[in-house]
Amino acid sequence: MTVKTTLSFTDRHHSFLTEKVAEGVFASQSAAVAAALEQMIRDEEERSVALEAMSDEIRSRMQTARADYVDAAQGFAAARARIGKTKGE
């Protein structure tokens, strides 16, 4: 279903839309706005999926017993050793 609406743009946005239509990037200004909205929808969906994955990971890690934690010094020892090697230490 298509809904007709009225939108207002700044001069800058209007010029950009007009230019992209003239270049043939979009068939019309409406098509350009629709493409921008579709991208926003995809971005929001991706953000939602990423946030949910991070939330799941945080919940999972919160279930880890303290005894299973990795000591920070041990956890970063290999990285520090590698950095030291590249610095010639």
C-alpha atoms as a PDB file:
ATOM      1  CA  MET A   1       0.000   0.000   0.000  1.00  0.00           C
ATOM      2  CA  THR A   2       1.266   3.470  -0.846  1.00  0.00           C
ATOM      3  CA  VAL A   3       0.419   6.454   1.311  1.00  0.00           C
ATOM      4  CA  LYS A   4       0.706   9.973  -0.019  1.00  0.00           C
ATOM      5  CA  THR A   5       2.240  12.454   2.401  1.00  0.00           C
ATOM      6  CA  THR A   6       3.843  15.866   2.386  1.00  0.00           C
ATOM      7  CA  LEU A   7       7.438  16.267   3.561  1.00  0.00           C
ATOM      8  CA  SER A   8       9.556  19.349   4.062  1.00  0.00           C
ATOM      9  CA  PHE A   9      13.299  19.390   3.404  1.00  0.00           C
ATOM     10  CA  THR A  10      16.099  21.837   3.956  1.00  0.00           C
ATOM     11  CA  ASP A  11      17.587  23.383   0.830  1.00  0.00           C
ATOM     12  CA  ARG A  12      20.591  21.104   1.253  1.00  0.00           C
ATOM     13  CA  HIS A  13      18.482  17.940   1.422  1.00  0.00           C
ATOM     14  CA  HIS A  14      16.283  19.011  -1.472  1.00  0.00           C
ATOM     15  CA  SER A  15      19.322  19.768  -3.637  1.00  0.00           C
ATOM     16  CA  PHE A  16      20.839  16.404  -2.791  1.00  0.00           C
ATOM     17  CA  LEU A  17      17.626  14.542  -3.659  1.00  0.00           C
ATOM     18  CA  THR A  18      17.232  16.470  -6.894  1.00  0.00           C
ATOM     19  CA  GLU A  19      20.854  15.772  -7.836  1.00  0.00           C
ATOM     20  CA  LYS A  20      20.554  12.033  -7.165  1.00  0.00           C
ATOM     21  CA  VAL A  21      17.386  11.808  -9.253  1.00  0.00           C
ATOM     22  CA  ALA A  22      19.058  13.757 -12.075  1.00  0.00           C
ATOM     23  CA  GLU A  23      22.055  11.388 -11.932  1.00  0.00           C
ATOM     24  CA  GLY A  24      19.684   8.442 -12.249  1.00  0.00           C
ATOM     25  CA  VAL A  25      20.597   7.015  -8.854  1.00  0.00           C
ATOM     26  CA  PHE A  26      16.907   7.077  -7.915  1.00  0.00           C
ATOM     27  CA  ALA A  27      13.821   7.179 -10.118  1.00  0.00           C
ATOM     28  CA  SER A  28      12.254   9.899  -8.002  1.00  0.00           C
ATOM     29  CA  GLN A  29      12.682  11.839  -4.804  1.00  0.00           C
ATOM     30  CA  SER A  30      10.102   9.535  -3.231  1.00  0.00           C
ATOM     31  CA  ALA A  31      12.203   6.525  -4.200  1.00  0.00           C
ATOM     32  CA  ALA A  32      15.275   8.129  -2.594  1.00  0.00           C
ATOM     33  CA  VAL A  33      13.412   8.827   0.646  1.00  0.00           C
ATOM     34  CA  ALA A  34      12.016   5.282   0.636  1.00  0.00           C
ATOM     35  CA  ALA A  35      15.536   3.869   0.180  1.00  0.00           C
ATOM     36  CA  ALA A  36      16.794   5.984   3.087  1.00  0.00           C
ATOM     37  CA  LEU A  37      13.948   4.770   5.285  1.00  0.00           C
ATOM     38  CA  GLU A  38      14.609   1.148   4.327  1.00  0.00           C
ATOM     39  CA  GLN A  39      18.258   1.620   5.323  1.00  0.00           C
ATOM     40  CA  MET A  40      17.177   3.101   8.652  1.00  0.00           C
ATOM     41  CA  ILE A  41      14.892   0.109   9.239  1.00  0.00           C
ATOM     42  CA  ARG A  42      17.754  -2.325   8.459  1.00  0.00           C
ATOM     43  CA  ASP A  43      20.101  -0.375  10.742  1.00  0.00           C
ATOM     44  CA  GLU A  44      17.586  -0.524  13.589  1.00  0.00           C
ATOM     45  CA  GLU A  45      17.043  -4.262  13.081  1.00  0.00           C
ATOM     46  CA  GLU A  46      20.803  -4.917  13.065  1.00  0.00           C
ATOM     47  CA  ARG A  47      21.250  -2.780  16.178  1.00  0.00           C
ATOM     48  CA  SER A  48      18.471  -4.681  17.928  1.00  0.00           C
ATOM     49  CA  VAL A  49      20.026  -8.046  17.044  1.00  0.00           C
ATOM     50  CA  ALA A  50      23.469  -6.891  18.214  1.00  0.00           C
ATOM     51  CA  LEU A  51      22.112  -5.544  21.506  1.00  0.00           C
ATOM     52  CA  GLU A  52      20.182  -8.748  22.147  1.00  0.00           C
ATOM     53  CA  ALA A  53      23.306 -10.818  21.439  1.00  0.00           C
ATOM     54  CA  MET A  54      25.324  -8.680  23.851  1.00  0.00           C
ATOM     55  CA  SER A  55      22.594  -8.983  26.482  1.00  0.00           C
ATOM     56  CA  ASP A  56      22.568 -12.760  26.074  1.00  0.00           C
ATOM     57  CA  GLU A  57      26.359 -12.884  26.413  1.00  0.00           C
ATOM     58  CA  ILE A  58      26.292 -10.711  29.528  1.00  0.00           C
ATOM     59  CA  ARG A  59      23.562 -12.895  31.088  1.00  0.00           C
ATOM     60  CA  SER A  60      25.590 -15.987  30.230  1.00  0.00           C
ATOM     61  CA  ARG A  61      28.760 -14.574  31.751  1.00  0.00           C
ATOM     62  CA  MET A  62      26.895 -13.539  34.887  1.00  0.00           C
ATOM     63  CA  GLN A  63      26.188 -17.240  35.425  1.00  0.00           C
ATOM     64  CA  THR A  64      29.929 -18.014  35.503  1.00  0.00           C
ATOM     65  CA  ALA A  65      31.144 -19.019  38.938  1.00  0.00           C
ATOM     66  CA  ARG A  66      33.830 -16.777  40.453  1.00  0.00           C
ATOM     67  CA  ALA A  67      36.143 -19.782  40.637  1.00  0.00           C
ATOM     68  CA  ASP A  68      36.013 -20.019  36.825  1.00  0.00           C
ATOM     69  CA  TYR A  69      37.110 -16.410  36.305  1.00  0.00           C
ATOM     70  CA  VAL A  70      40.440 -15.888  34.582  1.00  0.00           C
ATOM     71  CA  ASP A  71      42.922 -13.771  36.516  1.00  0.00           C
ATOM     72  CA  ALA A  72      43.544 -10.520  34.608  1.00  0.00           C
ATOM     73  CA  ALA A  73      47.327 -10.869  34.864  1.00  0.00           C
ATOM     74  CA  GLN A  74      47.153 -14.361  33.376  1.00  0.00           C
ATOM     75  CA  GLY A  75      44.572 -13.344  30.802  1.00  0.00           C
ATOM     76  CA  PHE A  76      46.722 -10.540  29.420  1.00  0.00           C
ATOM     77  CA  ALA A  77      50.133 -12.161  29.928  1.00  0.00           C
ATOM     78  CA  ALA A  78      50.319 -13.569  26.394  1.00  0.00           C
ATOM     79  CA  ALA A  79      49.316 -10.226  24.859  1.00  0.00           C
ATOM     80  CA  ARG A  80      51.861  -8.349  26.964  1.00  0.00           C
ATOM     81  CA  ALA A  81      54.586 -10.828  26.003  1.00  0.00           C
ATOM     82  CA  ARG A  82      53.768 -10.425  22.328  1.00  0.00           C
ATOM     83  CA  ILE A  83      53.767  -6.630  22.602  1.00  0.00           C
ATOM     84  CA  GLY A  84      57.100  -6.814  24.418  1.00  0.00           C
ATOM     85  CA  LYS A  85      58.534  -8.935  21.585  1.00  0.00           C
ATOM     86  CA  THR A  86      57.483  -6.416  18.931  1.00  0.00           C
ATOM     87  CA  LYS A  87      59.036  -3.610  20.962  1.00  0.00           C
ATOM     88  CA  GLY A  88      62.242  -5.609  21.299  1.00  0.00           C
ATOM     89  CA  GLU A  89      62.015  -6.107  25.046  1.00  0.00           C
END
